[in-house]
Protein backbone atom coordinates (compact mmCIF):
# COMPACT_ATOMS: atom_id res chain seq x y z
CA MET A 1 -30.34 -2.38 -10.67
CA ARG A 2 -31.55 0.62 -8.74
CA LEU A 3 -30.20 4.03 -9.64
CA THR A 4 -30.06 6.16 -6.51
CA SER A 5 -30.78 9.85 -6.70
CA ASP A 6 -32.55 11.18 -3.63
CA ARG A 7 -31.31 9.44 -0.48
CA HIS A 8 -28.53 11.62 0.86
CA ASP A 9 -29.31 11.45 4.59
CA PHE A 10 -27.20 8.43 5.50
CA ALA A 11 -24.65 8.99 8.25
CA PRO A 12 -22.01 6.30 8.77
CA ALA A 13 -22.32 4.57 12.10
CA GLU A 14 -19.59 4.91 14.70
CA PRO A 15 -16.88 2.30 14.04
CA THR A 16 -17.18 -0.85 16.14
CA LEU A 17 -14.85 -1.23 19.09
CA ASP A 18 -13.97 -4.73 17.94
CA ARG A 19 -11.15 -3.93 15.55
CA GLN A 20 -10.79 -7.52 14.44
CA VAL A 21 -14.45 -7.62 13.36
CA MET A 22 -14.06 -4.28 11.58
CA ALA A 23 -11.06 -5.65 9.68
CA THR A 24 -12.68 -8.90 8.58
CA THR A 25 -16.44 -8.41 8.30
CA ILE A 26 -17.32 -6.77 5.01
CA ASP A 27 -20.95 -6.80 3.90
CA ALA A 28 -20.72 -4.59 0.80
CA VAL A 29 -18.20 -3.96 -1.96
CA LEU A 30 -18.42 -0.76 -3.99
CA PHE A 31 -16.61 -0.30 -7.28
CA ASP A 32 -15.38 2.53 -9.42
CA LEU A 33 -16.25 1.99 -13.11
CA ASP A 34 -13.68 3.37 -15.58
CA ASP A 35 -10.38 1.46 -15.59
CA THR A 36 -11.61 -0.55 -12.61
CA LEU A 37 -14.41 -2.62 -14.11
CA VAL A 38 -14.34 -1.54 -17.77
CA GLU A 39 -11.93 -0.06 -20.27
CA TYR A 40 -12.38 1.45 -23.71
CA GLU A 41 -11.54 -0.66 -26.76
CA ARG A 42 -9.58 2.35 -28.03
CA SER A 43 -7.27 4.14 -25.64
CA PRO A 44 -7.67 7.89 -24.96
CA GLY A 45 -4.37 8.39 -26.77
CA GLN A 46 -5.69 6.72 -29.92
CA VAL A 47 -8.86 8.80 -29.83
CA LEU A 48 -6.85 11.99 -29.31
CA ASP A 49 -4.68 11.20 -32.35
CA ILE A 50 -7.84 10.75 -34.43
CA ALA A 51 -9.23 14.04 -33.12
CA PHE A 52 -6.08 15.96 -34.14
CA GLU A 53 -6.16 14.32 -37.55
CA SER A 54 -9.85 15.20 -38.02
CA VAL A 55 -9.17 18.85 -37.25
CA GLY A 56 -6.17 18.81 -39.59
CA VAL A 57 -3.44 19.88 -37.18
CA GLU A 58 -0.34 18.22 -35.81
CA PRO A 59 -0.75 17.05 -32.20
CA PHE A 60 0.33 19.81 -29.83
CA PHE A 61 -0.13 17.95 -26.54
CA ALA A 62 -0.02 14.36 -25.33
CA VAL A 63 -2.85 12.45 -23.71
CA GLU A 64 -0.94 12.38 -20.40
CA GLU A 65 -1.29 16.15 -20.08
CA TYR A 66 -5.03 15.89 -20.74
CA VAL A 67 -5.35 13.26 -18.01
CA ASP A 68 -3.26 15.28 -15.55
CA ARG A 69 -5.21 18.50 -16.07
CA PHE A 70 -8.74 17.27 -16.70
CA GLU A 71 -9.88 17.25 -13.06
CA ASP A 72 -8.91 20.93 -12.78
CA HIS A 73 -11.83 21.71 -15.10
CA LEU A 74 -14.50 19.58 -13.45
CA ALA A 75 -17.28 21.52 -11.77
CA PRO A 76 -20.84 20.86 -10.56
CA ASP A 77 -23.45 20.90 -13.32
CA VAL A 78 -20.72 20.95 -16.00
CA SER A 79 -20.76 18.04 -18.43
CA ILE A 80 -17.75 15.87 -19.19
CA ALA A 81 -17.70 17.23 -22.74
CA GLU A 82 -17.73 20.84 -21.51
CA SER A 83 -14.99 20.11 -18.99
CA ARG A 84 -12.89 18.44 -21.68
CA ALA A 85 -13.39 21.39 -24.02
CA ALA A 86 -12.26 23.80 -21.28
CA CYS A 87 -9.24 21.60 -20.59
CA PHE A 88 -8.21 21.41 -24.25
CA ALA A 89 -8.74 25.16 -24.67
CA ALA A 90 -6.49 25.88 -21.68
CA ILE A 91 -3.78 23.57 -22.98
CA ALA A 92 -3.98 25.17 -26.43
CA ASP A 93 -3.66 28.62 -24.89
CA ASP A 94 -0.59 27.49 -22.93
CA ARG A 95 0.92 26.28 -26.21
CA GLY A 96 0.35 29.61 -27.91
CA ARG A 97 -2.59 28.23 -29.89
CA ALA A 98 -6.08 29.65 -30.12
CA PRO A 99 -8.36 28.27 -27.37
CA ASP A 100 -11.02 27.68 -30.02
CA LEU A 101 -8.65 25.24 -31.71
CA GLY A 102 -8.48 23.25 -28.50
CA ARG A 103 -12.28 23.24 -28.33
CA ARG A 104 -12.47 21.94 -31.91
CA VAL A 105 -10.13 19.08 -31.02
CA ALA A 106 -12.26 18.37 -27.96
CA GLY A 107 -15.37 18.25 -30.15
CA GLU A 108 -13.79 15.68 -32.45
CA PHE A 109 -12.62 13.70 -29.44
CA ALA A 110 -16.18 13.59 -28.10
CA ASP A 111 -17.52 12.45 -31.49
CA GLU A 112 -15.00 9.61 -31.65
CA ARG A 113 -15.41 8.47 -28.04
CA ASP A 114 -18.14 5.82 -28.39
CA GLN A 115 -19.33 4.90 -24.89
CA SER A 116 -20.59 1.53 -26.10
CA ARG A 117 -17.11 0.48 -27.24
CA VAL A 118 -15.95 -0.79 -23.86
CA GLU A 119 -15.08 -4.19 -22.51
CA PRO A 120 -14.85 -5.57 -18.98
CA LEU A 121 -11.42 -5.81 -17.43
CA PRO A 122 -10.02 -9.33 -17.07
CA GLY A 123 -11.79 -11.22 -14.32
CA ALA A 124 -14.51 -8.61 -13.80
CA ARG A 125 -17.53 -10.84 -14.41
CA GLU A 126 -16.15 -13.82 -12.51
CA THR A 127 -15.10 -11.68 -9.55
CA LEU A 128 -18.48 -9.96 -9.29
CA ASP A 129 -20.30 -13.28 -9.47
CA ALA A 130 -18.12 -14.69 -6.68
CA LEU A 131 -18.50 -11.66 -4.42
CA ALA A 132 -22.26 -11.49 -4.95
CA ALA A 133 -22.71 -14.73 -3.02
CA ASP A 134 -21.86 -13.00 0.28
CA HIS A 135 -21.77 -9.26 -0.40
CA ALA A 136 -24.03 -6.48 -1.59
CA LEU A 137 -22.49 -4.83 -4.66
CA GLY A 138 -22.64 -1.25 -5.88
CA VAL A 139 -20.93 1.23 -8.19
CA VAL A 140 -19.82 4.75 -7.33
CA THR A 141 -18.62 6.44 -10.50
CA ASN A 142 -17.82 10.00 -11.50
CA GLY A 143 -19.75 10.65 -14.69
CA PRO A 144 -23.17 11.41 -16.16
CA PRO A 145 -25.87 8.73 -15.93
CA GLY A 146 -26.36 8.27 -19.67
CA MET A 147 -22.68 7.77 -20.43
CA GLN A 148 -21.89 5.51 -17.50
CA SER A 149 -25.05 3.42 -17.87
CA THR A 150 -24.15 2.80 -21.51
CA LYS A 151 -20.77 1.45 -20.44
CA LEU A 152 -22.29 -0.88 -17.86
CA GLU A 153 -24.79 -2.22 -20.39
CA ALA A 154 -22.19 -2.62 -23.15
CA ALA A 155 -19.86 -4.53 -20.83
CA GLY A 156 -22.68 -6.83 -19.69
CA LEU A 157 -22.34 -5.75 -16.06
CA ALA A 158 -25.48 -3.70 -15.47
CA ASP A 159 -27.38 -6.49 -13.71
CA ARG A 160 -24.58 -7.21 -11.23
CA PHE A 161 -25.25 -4.24 -8.96
CA GLU A 162 -27.95 -3.32 -6.48
CA THR A 163 -27.16 0.38 -6.70
CA VAL A 164 -25.27 2.73 -9.01
CA VAL A 165 -24.44 6.25 -7.84
CA PHE A 166 -23.43 8.75 -10.52
CA ALA A 167 -21.17 11.04 -8.52
CA GLY A 168 -21.27 14.58 -9.80
CA HIS A 169 -24.99 14.13 -10.57
CA ASP A 170 -26.68 12.15 -7.77
CA ALA A 171 -24.18 13.62 -5.30
CA PRO A 172 -20.95 15.60 -5.41
CA ALA A 173 -18.09 14.01 -7.34
CA LYS A 174 -15.58 11.75 -5.64
CA PRO A 175 -13.54 12.20 -3.47
CA ASP A 176 -16.43 13.85 -1.63
CA PRO A 177 -17.74 11.26 0.86
CA GLU A 178 -21.41 11.82 -0.01
CA PRO A 179 -21.70 9.50 -3.04
CA PHE A 180 -20.30 6.63 -0.96
CA ALA A 181 -22.82 7.41 1.78
CA VAL A 182 -25.65 7.44 -0.76
CA ALA A 183 -24.63 4.00 -2.04
CA LEU A 184 -24.36 2.54 1.45
CA SER A 185 -27.71 4.01 2.44
CA ASP A 186 -29.30 2.29 -0.53
CA LEU A 187 -27.66 -1.01 0.43
CA GLY A 188 -28.38 -0.64 4.15
CA VAL A 189 -24.74 -1.22 5.07
CA ARG A 190 -22.55 0.68 7.54
CA ALA A 191 -19.40 2.37 6.29
CA ASP A 192 -17.14 0.32 8.56
CA ARG A 193 -18.51 -2.86 6.95
CA ALA A 194 -17.80 -1.84 3.35
CA VAL A 195 -14.84 -1.59 1.00
CA HIS A 196 -14.45 0.48 -2.15
CA VAL A 197 -12.38 -0.73 -5.12
CA GLY A 198 -10.91 1.76 -7.58
CA ASP A 199 -7.85 2.73 -9.59
CA SER A 200 -7.58 6.38 -8.54
CA MET A 201 -5.76 7.34 -5.37
CA SER A 202 -7.13 10.89 -5.46
CA SER A 203 -10.82 10.06 -5.95
CA ASP A 204 -11.31 6.39 -5.00
CA VAL A 205 -8.87 5.81 -2.14
CA ALA A 206 -9.15 9.30 -0.67
CA GLY A 207 -12.94 9.33 -1.10
CA ALA A 208 -13.38 5.94 0.52
CA HIS A 209 -11.30 6.99 3.52
CA ALA A 210 -13.23 10.25 3.86
CA ALA A 211 -16.47 8.25 3.97
CA GLY A 212 -15.16 5.73 6.51
CA LEU A 213 -14.80 2.77 4.12
CA ARG A 214 -11.85 0.48 3.59
CA SER A 215 -10.09 0.90 0.26
CA ALA A 216 -8.72 -1.53 -2.31
CA TRP A 217 -6.48 0.20 -4.86
CA LEU A 218 -6.30 -1.47 -8.26
CA SER A 219 -2.86 -0.86 -9.75
CA ALA A 220 -0.32 -2.96 -11.60
CA ASP A 221 2.45 -0.37 -11.11
CA GLU A 222 4.45 -1.40 -8.07
CA ALA A 223 6.78 1.58 -8.54
CA VAL A 224 4.05 4.05 -7.60
CA GLU A 225 4.00 5.11 -3.95
CA PRO A 226 0.28 5.35 -3.13
CA GLU A 227 -0.85 8.50 -1.38
CA PRO A 228 -3.05 8.17 0.58
CA GLU A 229 -2.07 4.62 1.42
CA PRO A 230 -4.90 2.16 0.69
CA HIS A 231 -5.87 -0.64 3.03
CA HIS A 232 -5.28 -3.13 0.23
CA ALA A 233 -3.39 -2.99 -3.08
CA ILE A 234 -4.30 -5.43 -5.85
CA GLU A 235 -2.95 -6.00 -9.34
CA GLY A 236 -6.12 -7.54 -10.75
CA LEU A 237 -9.78 -7.97 -9.90
CA ALA A 238 -9.42 -11.74 -9.50
CA GLU A 239 -7.47 -11.11 -6.27
CA LEU A 240 -10.71 -9.94 -4.64
CA VAL A 241 -12.09 -13.47 -4.78
CA GLU A 242 -9.66 -14.31 -1.96
CA LEU A 243 -11.19 -11.48 0.13
CA PRO A 244 -7.97 -9.62 1.02
CA TRP A 245 -9.76 -7.72 3.79
CA ARG A 246 -9.89 -10.93 5.83
CA GLU A 247 -6.13 -10.88 6.29
């Protein structure tokens, strides 16, 4: 596995005029990591409950609010822990609580969130092995190298990829197109011959489209109206074995 960090000069080639070829010929598949390839053994909600209990206060916000507001506090050169602390402090302030209380809860959350306690999603290993026969594989994940590398190693997936781009560190965070371009440069594949698989419409689907890749949105919730609309929607990784982009 090569960890890219310095090749940011890749420019996607102009799309081919043969639309049928563009729709069916995929040479590389990129993946998001969290909730696409791996998931924590303990849910964020369980860890948040433990954090509140450790601080000795009744929960004053639900994990859904943390998830909804977390990206508002992401910034270049700011760690995940610092962003989480800022998010919890802001929520605490909105609830009439001291921001420092929110930061204490965030500290306990960070202590309880063991990055090695992850497991691959169902079908992850088998799907990657099948795709590797005819495709170059890479990861484009928002998160620091140490944390995300630990997850890949713990899930037994680290040796499946030819490149891993830590967006927000090697390049701007998704949905910026640059981390996708970095990954494709490392693989030597054009954007119009690649697809990105991820669970987030805002960072994975939107980022893939901005970079000129096809998108495969991983979601089991048929009630959600995807925006932007992905090229493909799948309920599980095993569906990728059938190469939905050949339809």
